[in-house]
Amino acid sequence: MDGISSRKLTWEICIVGIAIAIISFFFLPEIIPVHFAGNGVADDFGNKIEIFLMPILLLAVTILSGIKSIKYVLMHSKTWLTVGQYNLMIDCVLGIILIAEIFMIYASFV
């Protein structure tokens, strides 16, 4: 339970997302899919530099979720959350963003 109540997992997810983007950048084609329709088919394409939008989003969520005033508002709005529940919620959001990043990279090669 100590791992959930700390922000270590949050930063690890963020660093993994940044590392995946940096490593995959050198192997991606020049044009990559950046938006997908509901059926999973790419309907918008962009330059491969856009792969770094996901790590920027990961970093922004990680930093903003650690600010005490934002954390207080999110933990005490309508539902009282414990620190562990709050960190788990943030980690799930980051996990979804990381999965979207991996899907973008995968769709670039298929």
C-alpha atoms as a PDB file:
ATOM      1  CA  MET A   1       0.000   0.000   0.000  1.00  0.00           C
ATOM      2  CA  ASP A   2       2.977   2.290   0.519  1.00  0.00           C
ATOM      3  CA  GLY A   3       3.701   2.266  -3.227  1.00  0.00           C
ATOM      4  CA  ILE A   4       0.195   3.506  -4.010  1.00  0.00           C
ATOM      5  CA  SER A   5       0.316   6.300  -1.445  1.00  0.00           C
ATOM      6  CA  SER A   6       3.612   7.585  -2.835  1.00  0.00           C
ATOM      7  CA  ARG A   7       4.025   9.354  -6.166  1.00  0.00           C
ATOM      8  CA  LYS A   8       6.788   6.984  -7.250  1.00  0.00           C
ATOM      9  CA  LEU A   9       4.513   5.007  -9.606  1.00  0.00           C
ATOM     10  CA  THR A  10       3.191   8.248 -11.080  1.00  0.00           C
ATOM     11  CA  TRP A  11       6.681   9.411 -12.002  1.00  0.00           C
ATOM     12  CA  GLU A  12       7.620   5.946 -13.276  1.00  0.00           C
ATOM     13  CA  ILE A  13       4.668   5.937 -15.708  1.00  0.00           C
ATOM     14  CA  CYS A  14       5.662   9.414 -16.877  1.00  0.00           C
ATOM     15  CA  ILE A  15       9.309   8.435 -17.420  1.00  0.00           C
ATOM     16  CA  VAL A  16       8.324   5.254 -19.285  1.00  0.00           C
ATOM     17  CA  GLY A  17       6.130   7.317 -21.629  1.00  0.00           C
ATOM     18  CA  ILE A  18       8.940   9.782 -22.298  1.00  0.00           C
ATOM     19  CA  ALA A  19      11.447   6.966 -22.898  1.00  0.00           C
ATOM     20  CA  ILE A  20       9.099   5.156 -25.295  1.00  0.00           C
ATOM     21  CA  ALA A  21       8.595   8.352 -27.304  1.00  0.00           C
ATOM     22  CA  ILE A  22      12.312   9.129 -27.507  1.00  0.00           C
ATOM     23  CA  ILE A  23      13.264   5.596 -28.539  1.00  0.00           C
ATOM     24  CA  SER A  24      10.426   5.176 -31.035  1.00  0.00           C
ATOM     25  CA  PHE A  25      11.079   8.582 -32.624  1.00  0.00           C
ATOM     26  CA  PHE A  26      14.122   7.213 -34.434  1.00  0.00           C
ATOM     27  CA  PHE A  27      12.147   4.297 -35.904  1.00  0.00           C
ATOM     28  CA  LEU A  28       8.875   6.005 -36.835  1.00  0.00           C
ATOM     29  CA  PRO A  29       8.012   6.919 -40.418  1.00  0.00           C
ATOM     30  CA  GLU A  30       7.825  10.643 -41.238  1.00  0.00           C
ATOM     31  CA  ILE A  31       3.992  10.614 -41.220  1.00  0.00           C
ATOM     32  CA  ILE A  32       2.207   8.939 -38.301  1.00  0.00           C
ATOM     33  CA  PRO A  33      -1.471   8.592 -37.345  1.00  0.00           C
ATOM     34  CA  VAL A  34      -2.430  11.044 -34.611  1.00  0.00           C
ATOM     35  CA  HIS A  35      -6.208  10.611 -34.391  1.00  0.00           C
ATOM     36  CA  PHE A  36      -8.397   7.549 -34.628  1.00  0.00           C
ATOM     37  CA  ALA A  37     -12.099   7.108 -35.371  1.00  0.00           C
ATOM     38  CA  GLY A  38     -14.323   5.091 -33.075  1.00  0.00           C
ATOM     39  CA  ASN A  39     -13.586   1.877 -34.973  1.00  0.00           C
ATOM     40  CA  GLY A  40      -9.811   2.281 -34.492  1.00  0.00           C
ATOM     41  CA  VAL A  41      -9.044   3.439 -38.029  1.00  0.00           C
ATOM     42  CA  ALA A  42      -6.694   6.425 -38.334  1.00  0.00           C
ATOM     43  CA  ASP A  43      -8.445   9.490 -39.723  1.00  0.00           C
ATOM     44  CA  ASP A  44      -5.781  12.173 -39.169  1.00  0.00           C
ATOM     45  CA  PHE A  45      -2.039  12.107 -39.736  1.00  0.00           C
ATOM     46  CA  GLY A  46       0.851  14.293 -38.669  1.00  0.00           C
ATOM     47  CA  ASN A  47       4.611  14.593 -38.517  1.00  0.00           C
ATOM     48  CA  LYS A  48       6.463  12.104 -36.319  1.00  0.00           C
ATOM     49  CA  ILE A  49       7.472  14.922 -33.947  1.00  0.00           C
ATOM     50  CA  GLU A  50       3.853  14.839 -32.735  1.00  0.00           C
ATOM     51  CA  ILE A  51       4.645  11.626 -30.856  1.00  0.00           C
ATOM     52  CA  PHE A  52       6.001  13.925 -28.130  1.00  0.00           C
ATOM     53  CA  LEU A  53       2.540  15.386 -27.445  1.00  0.00           C
ATOM     54  CA  MET A  54       1.683  12.363 -25.296  1.00  0.00           C
ATOM     55  CA  PRO A  55       4.793  12.628 -23.064  1.00  0.00           C
ATOM     56  CA  ILE A  56       4.137  16.358 -22.688  1.00  0.00           C
ATOM     57  CA  LEU A  57       0.610  15.519 -21.552  1.00  0.00           C
ATOM     58  CA  LEU A  58       1.968  12.858 -19.178  1.00  0.00           C
ATOM     59  CA  LEU A  59       4.437  15.338 -17.705  1.00  0.00           C
ATOM     60  CA  ALA A  60       1.775  18.056 -17.356  1.00  0.00           C
ATOM     61  CA  VAL A  61      -0.650  15.752 -15.533  1.00  0.00           C
ATOM     62  CA  THR A  62       2.133  14.437 -13.294  1.00  0.00           C
ATOM     63  CA  ILE A  63       3.332  17.902 -12.304  1.00  0.00           C
ATOM     64  CA  LEU A  64      -0.116  19.465 -11.953  1.00  0.00           C
ATOM     65  CA  SER A  65      -1.464  16.567  -9.891  1.00  0.00           C
ATOM     66  CA  GLY A  66       1.328  17.109  -7.366  1.00  0.00           C
ATOM     67  CA  ILE A  67       0.483  20.771  -6.697  1.00  0.00           C
ATOM     68  CA  LYS A  68      -1.070  20.989  -3.244  1.00  0.00           C
ATOM     69  CA  SER A  69      -3.942  23.328  -4.155  1.00  0.00           C
ATOM     70  CA  ILE A  70      -5.013  21.194  -7.123  1.00  0.00           C
ATOM     71  CA  LYS A  71      -4.624  18.033  -5.072  1.00  0.00           C
ATOM     72  CA  TYR A  72      -6.782  19.528  -2.316  1.00  0.00           C
ATOM     73  CA  VAL A  73      -9.576  20.458  -4.730  1.00  0.00           C
ATOM     74  CA  LEU A  74      -9.574  17.024  -6.369  1.00  0.00           C
ATOM     75  CA  MET A  75      -9.471  15.162  -3.053  1.00  0.00           C
ATOM     76  CA  HIS A  76     -12.163  17.235  -1.320  1.00  0.00           C
ATOM     77  CA  SER A  77     -14.628  18.115  -4.070  1.00  0.00           C
ATOM     78  CA  LYS A  78     -17.685  15.854  -3.846  1.00  0.00           C
ATOM     79  CA  THR A  79     -16.017  12.664  -2.716  1.00  0.00           C
ATOM     80  CA  TRP A  80     -13.402  12.541  -0.019  1.00  0.00           C
ATOM     81  CA  LEU A  81     -10.429  10.605  -1.341  1.00  0.00           C
ATOM     82  CA  THR A  82      -7.526   9.226   0.597  1.00  0.00           C
ATOM     83  CA  VAL A  83      -4.013   9.896  -0.670  1.00  0.00           C
ATOM     84  CA  GLY A  84      -3.804   6.335  -1.995  1.00  0.00           C
ATOM     85  CA  GLN A  85      -7.090   6.675  -3.894  1.00  0.00           C
ATOM     86  CA  TYR A  86      -6.016  10.020  -5.332  1.00  0.00           C
ATOM     87  CA  ASN A  87      -2.668   8.645  -6.523  1.00  0.00           C
ATOM     88  CA  LEU A  88      -4.383   5.578  -7.981  1.00  0.00           C
ATOM     89  CA  MET A  89      -6.808   7.830  -9.880  1.00  0.00           C
ATOM     90  CA  ILE A  90      -3.927   9.874 -11.324  1.00  0.00           C
ATOM     91  CA  ASP A  91      -1.989   6.702 -12.196  1.00  0.00           C
ATOM     92  CA  CYS A  92      -5.022   5.341 -14.073  1.00  0.00           C
ATOM     93  CA  VAL A  93      -5.308   8.563 -16.091  1.00  0.00           C
ATOM     94  CA  LEU A  94      -1.602   8.382 -16.912  1.00  0.00           C
ATOM     95  CA  GLY A  95      -1.988   4.717 -17.832  1.00  0.00           C
ATOM     96  CA  ILE A  96      -4.719   5.563 -20.332  1.00  0.00           C
ATOM     97  CA  ILE A  97      -2.522   8.251 -21.896  1.00  0.00           C
ATOM     98  CA  LEU A  98       0.398   5.787 -22.050  1.00  0.00           C
ATOM     99  CA  ILE A  99      -1.794   3.177 -23.762  1.00  0.00           C
ATOM    100  CA  ALA A 100      -2.887   5.807 -26.306  1.00  0.00           C
ATOM    101  CA  GLU A 101       0.769   6.650 -26.987  1.00  0.00           C
ATOM    102  CA  ILE A 102       1.657   2.991 -27.495  1.00  0.00           C
ATOM    103  CA  PHE A 103      -1.350   2.578 -29.800  1.00  0.00           C
ATOM    104  CA  MET A 104      -0.197   5.550 -31.906  1.00  0.00           C
ATOM    105  CA  ILE A 105       3.249   4.029 -32.240  1.00  0.00           C
ATOM    106  CA  TYR A 106       1.862   0.590 -33.063  1.00  0.00           C
ATOM    107  CA  ALA A 107      -0.517   2.001 -35.681  1.00  0.00           C
ATOM    108  CA  SER A 108       2.416   3.744 -37.350  1.00  0.00           C
ATOM    109  CA  PHE A 109       4.006   0.422 -38.207  1.00  0.00           C
ATOM    110  CA  VAL A 110       0.883  -1.516 -39.197  1.00  0.00           C
END
